[in-house]
Amino acid sequence: MNQFSHPRRGLLGALLTCVMLASPASAGNPASAELLARTATQASNFLDQFSQVKCTEHVTQEKLAPNGKVEYKEEATFDYLVILTNASGEVTLDESRLEDKASAARRRKNIPLLVSNGFAMLFLVFHPYYQDSFEFSETGEEMRDGRRTLKIAFHHLRGTRTPMALSLRGREYPVDLDGTAWVDPETGTILHMEAAVDTSVQDLGMRALRSEVRFSPAVFRDGTAGQWLPLEAVVEVETPHQHWRNTHSFTDYKRFSVDTEQVVNDKDLEKKQR
């Protein structure tokens, strides 16, 4: 089986210094093997198509006051793509972000804001490589955006591989995810996901981390429709003294494909530009 390595997957920036407390996934009936197989196929398709497109990512970073009002906000726009490489049987995912000059010029320095990467790829919970690391249960049906969906709760099994980690002071800490996905029961398509982190990183002192991702069918410039892809990802983090919220919006999807040699060159070029 191919192995996944995520140098920048689901990472939070070094500003985070505290513990996350999250509610356990809702109890329900174990998810059927047929449904999980359909969802695994869709997650694989997500990954394949997501790595063949580029888009515009708009990021809003907010620092919130104790009453929930926004104390400070910054906005930035990036050319965004996910680079997928496969060398010696190991699959690697890298997010590439190139900020436009206008938003970079507006950015203020020395303002403590949350850095959040990789949450658009939360669907990897259902990918065949990660699926055995989670328990899944069906918790009922719900109409969402005019579609009948089945709610699937997921709970990470401690000590197994995870698609998300915290980056803190130069180190990565794997985290245990609990959450719910809204899935089309006929096709296995993921429409919406919500997740939080349990007490697995309590030594870091974080109070809460919540994330929410919405998916939508991608419509390309030529008018053709494609795979369901991330539309918006919201990440909210609380420590005893800070409260941040980041919103990532993905628009203007374009098909993009490169061979392995071109991917390596693009990555090297990106590193030189930083």
C-alpha atoms as a PDB file:
ATOM      1  CA  MET A   1       0.000   0.000   0.000  1.00  0.00           C
ATOM      2  CA  ASN A   2       1.219   3.453  -0.803  1.00  0.00           C
ATOM      3  CA  GLN A   3       2.340   5.513   2.155  1.00  0.00           C
ATOM      4  CA  PHE A   4       1.354   9.127   2.664  1.00  0.00           C
ATOM      5  CA  SER A   5       3.791  11.708   3.927  1.00  0.00           C
ATOM      6  CA  HIS A   6       2.470  15.203   4.598  1.00  0.00           C
ATOM      7  CA  PRO A   7       5.234  17.729   5.263  1.00  0.00           C
ATOM      8  CA  ARG A   8       2.614  20.512   5.484  1.00  0.00           C
ATOM      9  CA  ARG A   9      -0.607  18.624   6.133  1.00  0.00           C
ATOM     10  CA  GLY A  10      -3.178  20.071   8.494  1.00  0.00           C
ATOM     11  CA  LEU A  11      -0.550  22.076  10.343  1.00  0.00           C
ATOM     12  CA  LEU A  12      -1.094  24.860  12.826  1.00  0.00           C
ATOM     13  CA  GLY A  13       1.559  27.507  13.245  1.00  0.00           C
ATOM     14  CA  ALA A  14       4.018  27.864  16.101  1.00  0.00           C
ATOM     15  CA  LEU A  15       1.796  30.436  17.822  1.00  0.00           C
ATOM     16  CA  LEU A  16      -0.265  27.646  19.372  1.00  0.00           C
ATOM     17  CA  THR A  17       0.747  26.725  22.914  1.00  0.00           C
ATOM     18  CA  CYS A  18      -2.275  25.169  24.650  1.00  0.00           C
ATOM     19  CA  VAL A  19      -4.722  22.002  25.051  1.00  0.00           C
ATOM     20  CA  MET A  20      -7.690  21.019  22.945  1.00  0.00           C
ATOM     21  CA  LEU A  21     -10.802  19.591  24.540  1.00  0.00           C
ATOM     22  CA  ALA A  22     -13.388  18.127  22.188  1.00  0.00           C
ATOM     23  CA  SER A  23     -16.615  16.215  22.614  1.00  0.00           C
ATOM     24  CA  PRO A  24     -16.448  12.547  21.608  1.00  0.00           C
ATOM     25  CA  ALA A  25     -18.134  11.473  18.396  1.00  0.00           C
ATOM     26  CA  SER A  26     -21.841  10.754  18.722  1.00  0.00           C
ATOM     27  CA  ALA A  27     -22.814   7.156  19.364  1.00  0.00           C
ATOM     28  CA  GLY A  28     -24.578   5.313  16.576  1.00  0.00           C
ATOM     29  CA  ASN A  29     -24.652   2.107  14.574  1.00  0.00           C
ATOM     30  CA  PRO A  30     -21.391   0.989  12.943  1.00  0.00           C
ATOM     31  CA  ALA A  31     -21.134   2.300   9.391  1.00  0.00           C
ATOM     32  CA  SER A  32     -21.694  -0.357   6.737  1.00  0.00           C
ATOM     33  CA  ALA A  33     -18.721  -1.712   4.817  1.00  0.00           C
ATOM     34  CA  GLU A  34     -20.486  -0.899   1.532  1.00  0.00           C
ATOM     35  CA  LEU A  35     -20.940   2.763   2.460  1.00  0.00           C
ATOM     36  CA  LEU A  36     -17.348   3.099   3.675  1.00  0.00           C
ATOM     37  CA  ALA A  37     -16.118   1.515   0.440  1.00  0.00           C
ATOM     38  CA  ARG A  38     -18.098   4.056  -1.625  1.00  0.00           C
ATOM     39  CA  THR A  39     -16.815   6.907   0.527  1.00  0.00           C
ATOM     40  CA  ALA A  40     -13.228   5.626   0.221  1.00  0.00           C
ATOM     41  CA  THR A  41     -13.594   5.634  -3.568  1.00  0.00           C
ATOM     42  CA  GLN A  42     -14.881   9.209  -3.491  1.00  0.00           C
ATOM     43  CA  ALA A  43     -12.037  10.295  -1.176  1.00  0.00           C
ATOM     44  CA  SER A  44      -9.537   8.760  -3.604  1.00  0.00           C
ATOM     45  CA  ASN A  45     -11.212  10.624  -6.467  1.00  0.00           C
ATOM     46  CA  PHE A  46     -11.098  13.835  -4.384  1.00  0.00           C
ATOM     47  CA  LEU A  47      -7.365  13.431  -3.954  1.00  0.00           C
ATOM     48  CA  ASP A  48      -6.712  12.593  -7.602  1.00  0.00           C
ATOM     49  CA  GLN A  49      -8.645  15.570  -8.943  1.00  0.00           C
ATOM     50  CA  PHE A  50      -7.566  17.995  -6.210  1.00  0.00           C
ATOM     51  CA  SER A  51      -3.943  17.354  -7.201  1.00  0.00           C
ATOM     52  CA  GLN A  52      -4.759  18.073 -10.865  1.00  0.00           C
ATOM     53  CA  VAL A  53      -6.280  21.520 -10.391  1.00  0.00           C
ATOM     54  CA  LYS A  54      -5.213  24.906  -9.145  1.00  0.00           C
ATOM     55  CA  CYS A  55      -7.439  27.589  -7.714  1.00  0.00           C
ATOM     56  CA  THR A  56      -7.571  30.923  -5.917  1.00  0.00           C
ATOM     57  CA  GLU A  57      -7.495  30.720  -2.129  1.00  0.00           C
ATOM     58  CA  HIS A  58      -8.721  33.683  -0.099  1.00  0.00           C
ATOM     59  CA  VAL A  59      -7.722  33.550   3.574  1.00  0.00           C
ATOM     60  CA  THR A  60      -9.242  35.705   6.302  1.00  0.00           C
ATOM     61  CA  GLN A  61      -7.339  35.600   9.603  1.00  0.00           C
ATOM     62  CA  GLU A  62      -9.184  37.001  12.616  1.00  0.00           C
ATOM     63  CA  LYS A  63      -8.192  37.579  16.233  1.00  0.00           C
ATOM     64  CA  LEU A  64     -11.296  37.557  18.440  1.00  0.00           C
ATOM     65  CA  ALA A  65     -12.006  39.317  21.715  1.00  0.00           C
ATOM     66  CA  PRO A  66     -13.432  37.442  24.750  1.00  0.00           C
ATOM     67  CA  ASN A  67     -16.938  38.564  23.705  1.00  0.00           C
ATOM     68  CA  GLY A  68     -16.464  37.029  20.251  1.00  0.00           C
ATOM     69  CA  LYS A  69     -16.080  40.321  18.387  1.00  0.00           C
ATOM     70  CA  VAL A  70     -13.252  40.716  15.870  1.00  0.00           C
ATOM     71  CA  GLU A  71     -10.306  42.640  17.341  1.00  0.00           C
ATOM     72  CA  TYR A  72      -8.085  42.438  14.274  1.00  0.00           C
ATOM     73  CA  LYS A  73      -8.386  40.991  10.769  1.00  0.00           C
ATOM     74  CA  GLU A  74      -6.096  40.402   7.825  1.00  0.00           C
ATOM     75  CA  GLU A  75      -6.994  39.107   4.373  1.00  0.00           C
ATOM     76  CA  ALA A  76      -4.746  37.540   1.754  1.00  0.00           C
ATOM     77  CA  THR A  77      -5.144  35.946  -1.668  1.00  0.00           C
ATOM     78  CA  PHE A  78      -3.031  33.090  -3.010  1.00  0.00           C
ATOM     79  CA  ASP A  79      -2.565  30.973  -6.103  1.00  0.00           C
ATOM     80  CA  TYR A  80      -3.113  27.566  -4.544  1.00  0.00           C
ATOM     81  CA  LEU A  81      -2.406  24.015  -5.637  1.00  0.00           C
ATOM     82  CA  VAL A  82      -1.738  20.652  -4.041  1.00  0.00           C
ATOM     83  CA  ILE A  83       1.349  18.894  -5.366  1.00  0.00           C
ATOM     84  CA  LEU A  84       1.126  15.109  -5.395  1.00  0.00           C
ATOM     85  CA  THR A  85       4.290  13.070  -6.018  1.00  0.00           C
ATOM     86  CA  ASN A  86       4.889   9.339  -5.917  1.00  0.00           C
ATOM     87  CA  ALA A  87       8.451   8.150  -5.473  1.00  0.00           C
ATOM     88  CA  SER A  88       9.456   4.633  -4.391  1.00  0.00           C
ATOM     89  CA  GLY A  89       5.894   3.820  -3.385  1.00  0.00           C
ATOM     90  CA  GLU A  90       5.553   6.821  -1.051  1.00  0.00           C
ATOM     91  CA  VAL A  91       2.937   9.418  -1.907  1.00  0.00           C
ATOM     92  CA  THR A  92       3.706  12.964  -0.767  1.00  0.00           C
ATOM     93  CA  LEU A  93       1.279  15.881  -0.599  1.00  0.00           C
ATOM     94  CA  ASP A  94       2.517  19.462  -0.492  1.00  0.00           C
ATOM     95  CA  GLU A  95       0.423  22.629  -0.493  1.00  0.00           C
ATOM     96  CA  SER A  96       1.822  25.397  -2.686  1.00  0.00           C
ATOM     97  CA  ARG A  97       0.716  28.966  -1.919  1.00  0.00           C
ATOM     98  CA  LEU A  98       1.945  31.993  -3.840  1.00  0.00           C
ATOM     99  CA  GLU A  99       0.561  35.200  -2.348  1.00  0.00           C
ATOM    100  CA  ASP A 100      -0.365  38.003  -4.716  1.00  0.00           C
ATOM    101  CA  LYS A 101       1.714  41.149  -4.364  1.00  0.00           C
ATOM    102  CA  ALA A 102      -1.195  43.386  -3.343  1.00  0.00           C
ATOM    103  CA  SER A 103      -2.192  41.338  -0.295  1.00  0.00           C
ATOM    104  CA  ALA A 104       1.446  40.802   0.694  1.00  0.00           C
ATOM    105  CA  ALA A 105       2.005  44.579   0.686  1.00  0.00           C
ATOM    106  CA  ARG A 106      -0.948  45.105   3.035  1.00  0.00           C
ATOM    107  CA  ARG A 107       0.208  42.556   5.595  1.00  0.00           C
ATOM    108  CA  ARG A 108       1.238  43.986   8.951  1.00  0.00           C
ATOM    109  CA  LYS A 109       4.195  42.569  10.810  1.00  0.00           C
ATOM    110  CA  ASN A 110       4.401  41.238  14.372  1.00  0.00           C
ATOM    111  CA  ILE A 111       0.644  40.630  14.712  1.00  0.00           C
ATOM    112  CA  PRO A 112       0.037  37.214  16.385  1.00  0.00           C
ATOM    113  CA  LEU A 113      -2.353  35.391  14.055  1.00  0.00           C
ATOM    114  CA  LEU A 114      -3.190  31.737  13.514  1.00  0.00           C
ATOM    115  CA  VAL A 115      -1.455  29.919  10.661  1.00  0.00           C
ATOM    116  CA  SER A 116      -3.612  27.026   9.390  1.00  0.00           C
ATOM    117  CA  ASN A 117      -2.767  24.727   6.479  1.00  0.00           C
ATOM    118  CA  GLY A 118      -4.189  21.523   5.084  1.00  0.00           C
ATOM    119  CA  PHE A 119      -7.730  21.606   6.481  1.00  0.00           C
ATOM    120  CA  ALA A 120      -9.190  21.483   2.960  1.00  0.00           C
ATOM    121  CA  MET A 121      -7.876  17.912   2.853  1.00  0.00           C
ATOM    122  CA  LEU A 122      -9.880  16.762   5.868  1.00  0.00           C
ATOM    123  CA  PHE A 123     -11.589  14.263   3.528  1.00  0.00           C
ATOM    124  CA  LEU A 124      -8.442  12.099   3.876  1.00  0.00           C
ATOM    125  CA  VAL A 125     -10.130  10.669   6.996  1.00  0.00           C
ATOM    126  CA  PHE A 126     -12.073   8.470   4.547  1.00  0.00           C
ATOM    127  CA  HIS A 127      -9.158   7.663   2.212  1.00  0.00           C
ATOM    128  CA  PRO A 128      -8.239   3.949   2.122  1.00  0.00           C
ATOM    129  CA  TYR A 129      -4.824   4.724   3.626  1.00  0.00           C
ATOM    130  CA  TYR A 130      -6.361   6.311   6.741  1.00  0.00           C
ATOM    131  CA  GLN A 131      -9.739   4.601   7.037  1.00  0.00           C
ATOM    132  CA  ASP A 132      -8.458   1.781   9.264  1.00  0.00           C
ATOM    133  CA  SER A 133      -7.277   4.430  11.754  1.00  0.00           C
ATOM    134  CA  PHE A 134     -10.854   5.489  12.522  1.00  0.00           C
ATOM    135  CA  GLU A 135     -14.069   4.083  13.910  1.00  0.00           C
ATOM    136  CA  PHE A 136     -17.148   5.110  11.903  1.00  0.00           C
ATOM    137  CA  SER A 137     -20.777   5.088  12.978  1.00  0.00           C
ATOM    138  CA  GLU A 138     -24.039   6.130  11.336  1.00  0.00           C
ATOM    139  CA  THR A 139     -25.944   8.707  13.397  1.00  0.00           C
ATOM    140  CA  GLY A 140     -29.015   9.404  11.274  1.00  0.00           C
ATOM    141  CA  GLU A 141     -30.170  11.145   8.124  1.00  0.00           C
ATOM    142  CA  GLU A 142     -30.364  14.889   7.477  1.00  0.00           C
ATOM    143  CA  MET A 143     -31.316  17.103   4.542  1.00  0.00           C
ATOM    144  CA  ARG A 144     -28.439  19.355   3.536  1.00  0.00           C
ATOM    145  CA  ASP A 145     -28.577  21.809   0.647  1.00  0.00           C
ATOM    146  CA  GLY A 146     -31.633  19.998  -0.660  1.00  0.00           C
ATOM    147  CA  ARG A 147     -29.946  16.578  -0.648  1.00  0.00           C
ATOM    148  CA  ARG A 148     -30.556  13.596   1.588  1.00  0.00           C
ATOM    149  CA  THR A 149     -27.393  12.832   3.518  1.00  0.00           C
ATOM    150  CA  LEU A 150     -26.299  10.278   6.072  1.00  0.00           C
ATOM    151  CA  LYS A 151     -24.332  11.552   9.055  1.00  0.00           C
ATOM    152  CA  ILE A 152     -21.200   9.500   9.742  1.00  0.00           C
ATOM    153  CA  ALA A 153     -19.367  10.117  12.992  1.00  0.00           C
ATOM    154  CA  PHE A 154     -15.643   9.331  12.991  1.00  0.00           C
ATOM    155  CA  HIS A 155     -13.320   8.742  15.928  1.00  0.00           C
ATOM    156  CA  HIS A 156      -9.549   8.377  15.624  1.00  0.00           C
ATOM    157  CA  LEU A 157      -7.953   5.314  17.213  1.00  0.00           C
ATOM    158  CA  ARG A 158      -5.130   6.415  19.484  1.00  0.00           C
ATOM    159  CA  GLY A 159      -1.686   5.403  18.251  1.00  0.00           C
ATOM    160  CA  THR A 160      -2.634   4.888  14.598  1.00  0.00           C
ATOM    161  CA  ARG A 161      -1.738   7.071  11.613  1.00  0.00           C
ATOM    162  CA  THR A 162      -3.539  10.391  11.317  1.00  0.00           C
ATOM    163  CA  PRO A 163      -3.866  12.911   8.448  1.00  0.00           C
ATOM    164  CA  MET A 164      -3.365  15.880  10.785  1.00  0.00           C
ATOM    165  CA  ALA A 165      -0.637  17.210  13.050  1.00  0.00           C
ATOM    166  CA  LEU A 166       0.208  20.298  15.076  1.00  0.00           C
ATOM    167  CA  SER A 167       3.403  22.146  14.246  1.00  0.00           C
ATOM    168  CA  LEU A 168       4.811  23.787  17.365  1.00  0.00           C
ATOM    169  CA  ARG A 169       8.311  25.169  17.890  1.00  0.00           C
ATOM    170  CA  GLY A 170       9.656  23.208  14.939  1.00  0.00           C
ATOM    171  CA  ARG A 171       8.111  19.859  15.967  1.00  0.00           C
ATOM    172  CA  GLU A 172       5.054  18.008  14.671  1.00  0.00           C
ATOM    173  CA  TYR A 173       2.537  16.415  17.049  1.00  0.00           C
ATOM    174  CA  PRO A 174       0.037  13.934  15.542  1.00  0.00           C
ATOM    175  CA  VAL A 175      -3.492  14.631  16.766  1.00  0.00           C
ATOM    176  CA  ASP A 176      -6.615  12.528  17.265  1.00  0.00           C
ATOM    177  CA  LEU A 177      -9.652  13.751  15.343  1.00  0.00           C
ATOM    178  CA  ASP A 178     -13.315  13.284  16.227  1.00  0.00           C
ATOM    179  CA  GLY A 179     -16.072  14.615  14.021  1.00  0.00           C
ATOM    180  CA  THR A 180     -18.985  14.121  11.666  1.00  0.00           C
ATOM    181  CA  ALA A 181     -19.282  13.924   7.885  1.00  0.00           C
ATOM    182  CA  TRP A 182     -22.465  14.442   5.866  1.00  0.00           C
ATOM    183  CA  VAL A 183     -22.334  11.874   3.050  1.00  0.00           C
ATOM    184  CA  ASP A 184     -24.564  11.049   0.096  1.00  0.00           C
ATOM    185  CA  PRO A 185     -25.547   7.448   0.977  1.00  0.00           C
ATOM    186  CA  GLU A 186     -25.942   6.416  -2.664  1.00  0.00           C
ATOM    187  CA  THR A 187     -22.628   7.685  -4.047  1.00  0.00           C
ATOM    188  CA  GLY A 188     -20.419   8.136  -0.975  1.00  0.00           C
ATOM    189  CA  THR A 189     -19.811  11.793  -1.896  1.00  0.00           C
ATOM    190  CA  ILE A 190     -18.759  13.953   1.078  1.00  0.00           C
ATOM    191  CA  LEU A 191     -20.730  17.202   1.230  1.00  0.00           C
ATOM    192  CA  HIS A 192     -19.674  18.606   4.593  1.00  0.00           C
ATOM    193  CA  MET A 193     -17.335  17.763   7.472  1.00  0.00           C
ATOM    194  CA  GLU A 194     -16.929  19.061  11.011  1.00  0.00           C
ATOM    195  CA  ALA A 195     -14.098  17.966  13.279  1.00  0.00           C
ATOM    196  CA  ALA A 196     -12.457  18.749  16.583  1.00  0.00           C
ATOM    197  CA  VAL A 197      -9.429  17.432  18.404  1.00  0.00           C
ATOM    198  CA  ASP A 198      -9.701  15.342  21.554  1.00  0.00           C
ATOM    199  CA  THR A 199      -7.459  15.523  24.622  1.00  0.00           C
ATOM    200  CA  SER A 200      -4.499  13.810  22.905  1.00  0.00           C
ATOM    201  CA  VAL A 201      -2.376  16.994  22.983  1.00  0.00           C
ATOM    202  CA  GLN A 202      -3.309  18.254  26.435  1.00  0.00           C
ATOM    203  CA  ASP A 203       0.342  18.751  27.357  1.00  0.00           C
ATOM    204  CA  LEU A 204       0.360  21.643  24.856  1.00  0.00           C
ATOM    205  CA  GLY A 205      -2.302  23.510  26.843  1.00  0.00           C
ATOM    206  CA  MET A 206      -4.829  24.217  24.073  1.00  0.00           C
ATOM    207  CA  ARG A 207      -8.442  24.799  25.071  1.00  0.00           C
ATOM    208  CA  ALA A 208     -10.311  24.064  21.821  1.00  0.00           C
ATOM    209  CA  LEU A 209      -9.850  23.471  18.105  1.00  0.00           C
ATOM    210  CA  ARG A 210     -12.772  23.187  15.708  1.00  0.00           C
ATOM    211  CA  SER A 211     -12.822  22.920  11.933  1.00  0.00           C
ATOM    212  CA  GLU A 212     -15.559  22.841   9.321  1.00  0.00           C
ATOM    213  CA  VAL A 213     -15.185  22.113   5.599  1.00  0.00           C
ATOM    214  CA  ARG A 214     -17.830  22.508   2.883  1.00  0.00           C
ATOM    215  CA  PHE A 215     -17.538  20.807  -0.501  1.00  0.00           C
ATOM    216  CA  SER A 216     -19.213  21.660  -3.790  1.00  0.00           C
ATOM    217  CA  PRO A 217     -19.054  20.391  -7.404  1.00  0.00           C
ATOM    218  CA  ALA A 218     -16.242  22.222  -9.178  1.00  0.00           C
ATOM    219  CA  VAL A 219     -17.263  24.111 -12.316  1.00  0.00           C
ATOM    220  CA  PHE A 220     -14.358  24.941 -14.606  1.00  0.00           C
ATOM    221  CA  ARG A 221     -13.936  27.893 -16.947  1.00  0.00           C
ATOM    222  CA  ASP A 222     -14.980  25.833 -19.954  1.00  0.00           C
ATOM    223  CA  GLY A 223     -18.311  25.172 -18.241  1.00  0.00           C
ATOM    224  CA  THR A 224     -17.664  21.511 -17.499  1.00  0.00           C
ATOM    225  CA  ALA A 225     -18.378  20.119 -14.046  1.00  0.00           C
ATOM    226  CA  GLY A 226     -15.909  18.040 -12.086  1.00  0.00           C
ATOM    227  CA  GLN A 227     -15.415  16.221  -8.808  1.00  0.00           C
ATOM    228  CA  TRP A 228     -16.742  17.694  -5.564  1.00  0.00           C
ATOM    229  CA  LEU A 229     -13.895  19.834  -4.196  1.00  0.00           C
ATOM    230  CA  PRO A 230     -13.392  22.073  -1.123  1.00  0.00           C
ATOM    231  CA  LEU A 231     -15.394  25.297  -1.196  1.00  0.00           C
ATOM    232  CA  GLU A 232     -14.636  26.668   2.277  1.00  0.00           C
ATOM    233  CA  ALA A 233     -12.692  25.615   5.367  1.00  0.00           C
ATOM    234  CA  VAL A 234     -13.120  27.382   8.719  1.00  0.00           C
ATOM    235  CA  VAL A 235     -10.662  26.785  11.565  1.00  0.00           C
ATOM    236  CA  GLU A 236     -11.169  28.123  15.080  1.00  0.00           C
ATOM    237  CA  VAL A 237      -8.653  27.819  17.916  1.00  0.00           C
ATOM    238  CA  GLU A 238      -8.872  28.905  21.553  1.00  0.00           C
ATOM    239  CA  THR A 239      -6.205  29.044  24.233  1.00  0.00           C
ATOM    240  CA  PRO A 240      -6.677  30.421  27.756  1.00  0.00           C
ATOM    241  CA  HIS A 241      -5.568  33.841  26.486  1.00  0.00           C
ATOM    242  CA  GLN A 242      -6.185  33.909  22.718  1.00  0.00           C
ATOM    243  CA  HIS A 243      -8.998  33.169  20.273  1.00  0.00           C
ATOM    244  CA  TRP A 244      -8.416  32.945  16.513  1.00  0.00           C
ATOM    245  CA  ARG A 245     -10.558  32.109  13.497  1.00  0.00           C
ATOM    246  CA  ASN A 246      -9.326  31.510   9.950  1.00  0.00           C
ATOM    247  CA  THR A 247     -11.582  31.166   6.911  1.00  0.00           C
ATOM    248  CA  HIS A 248     -10.193  29.643   3.707  1.00  0.00           C
ATOM    249  CA  SER A 249     -12.316  30.097   0.554  1.00  0.00           C
ATOM    250  CA  PHE A 250     -11.470  28.264  -2.690  1.00  0.00           C
ATOM    251  CA  THR A 251     -12.676  29.623  -6.041  1.00  0.00           C
ATOM    252  CA  ASP A 252     -11.845  29.716  -9.747  1.00  0.00           C
ATOM    253  CA  TYR A 253     -10.739  26.099 -10.129  1.00  0.00           C
ATOM    254  CA  LYS A 254      -8.637  25.358 -13.213  1.00  0.00           C
ATOM    255  CA  ARG A 255      -7.310  22.051 -14.447  1.00  0.00           C
ATOM    256  CA  PHE A 256      -3.602  21.685 -13.926  1.00  0.00           C
ATOM    257  CA  SER A 257      -1.388  18.674 -14.556  1.00  0.00           C
ATOM    258  CA  VAL A 258       2.343  18.134 -14.421  1.00  0.00           C
ATOM    259  CA  ASP A 259       4.629  15.148 -14.574  1.00  0.00           C
ATOM    260  CA  THR A 260       6.913  14.137 -11.706  1.00  0.00           C
ATOM    261  CA  GLU A 261       9.926  16.053 -13.050  1.00  0.00           C
ATOM    262  CA  GLN A 262       7.892  19.245 -13.379  1.00  0.00           C
ATOM    263  CA  VAL A 263       6.529  18.841  -9.848  1.00  0.00           C
ATOM    264  CA  VAL A 264      10.023  18.693  -8.396  1.00  0.00           C
ATOM    265  CA  ASN A 265      11.055  21.779 -10.354  1.00  0.00           C
ATOM    266  CA  ASP A 266       7.959  23.680  -9.227  1.00  0.00           C
ATOM    267  CA  LYS A 267       8.666  22.825  -5.585  1.00  0.00           C
ATOM    268  CA  ASP A 268      12.284  23.933  -5.907  1.00  0.00           C
ATOM    269  CA  LEU A 269      11.147  27.159  -7.552  1.00  0.00           C
ATOM    270  CA  GLU A 270       8.646  27.821  -4.770  1.00  0.00           C
ATOM    271  CA  LYS A 271      11.363  27.382  -2.127  1.00  0.00           C
ATOM    272  CA  LYS A 272      13.588  29.901  -3.922  1.00  0.00           C
ATOM    273  CA  GLN A 273      10.768  32.418  -4.055  1.00  0.00           C
ATOM    274  CA  ARG A 274      10.107  32.288  -0.305  1.00  0.00           C
END
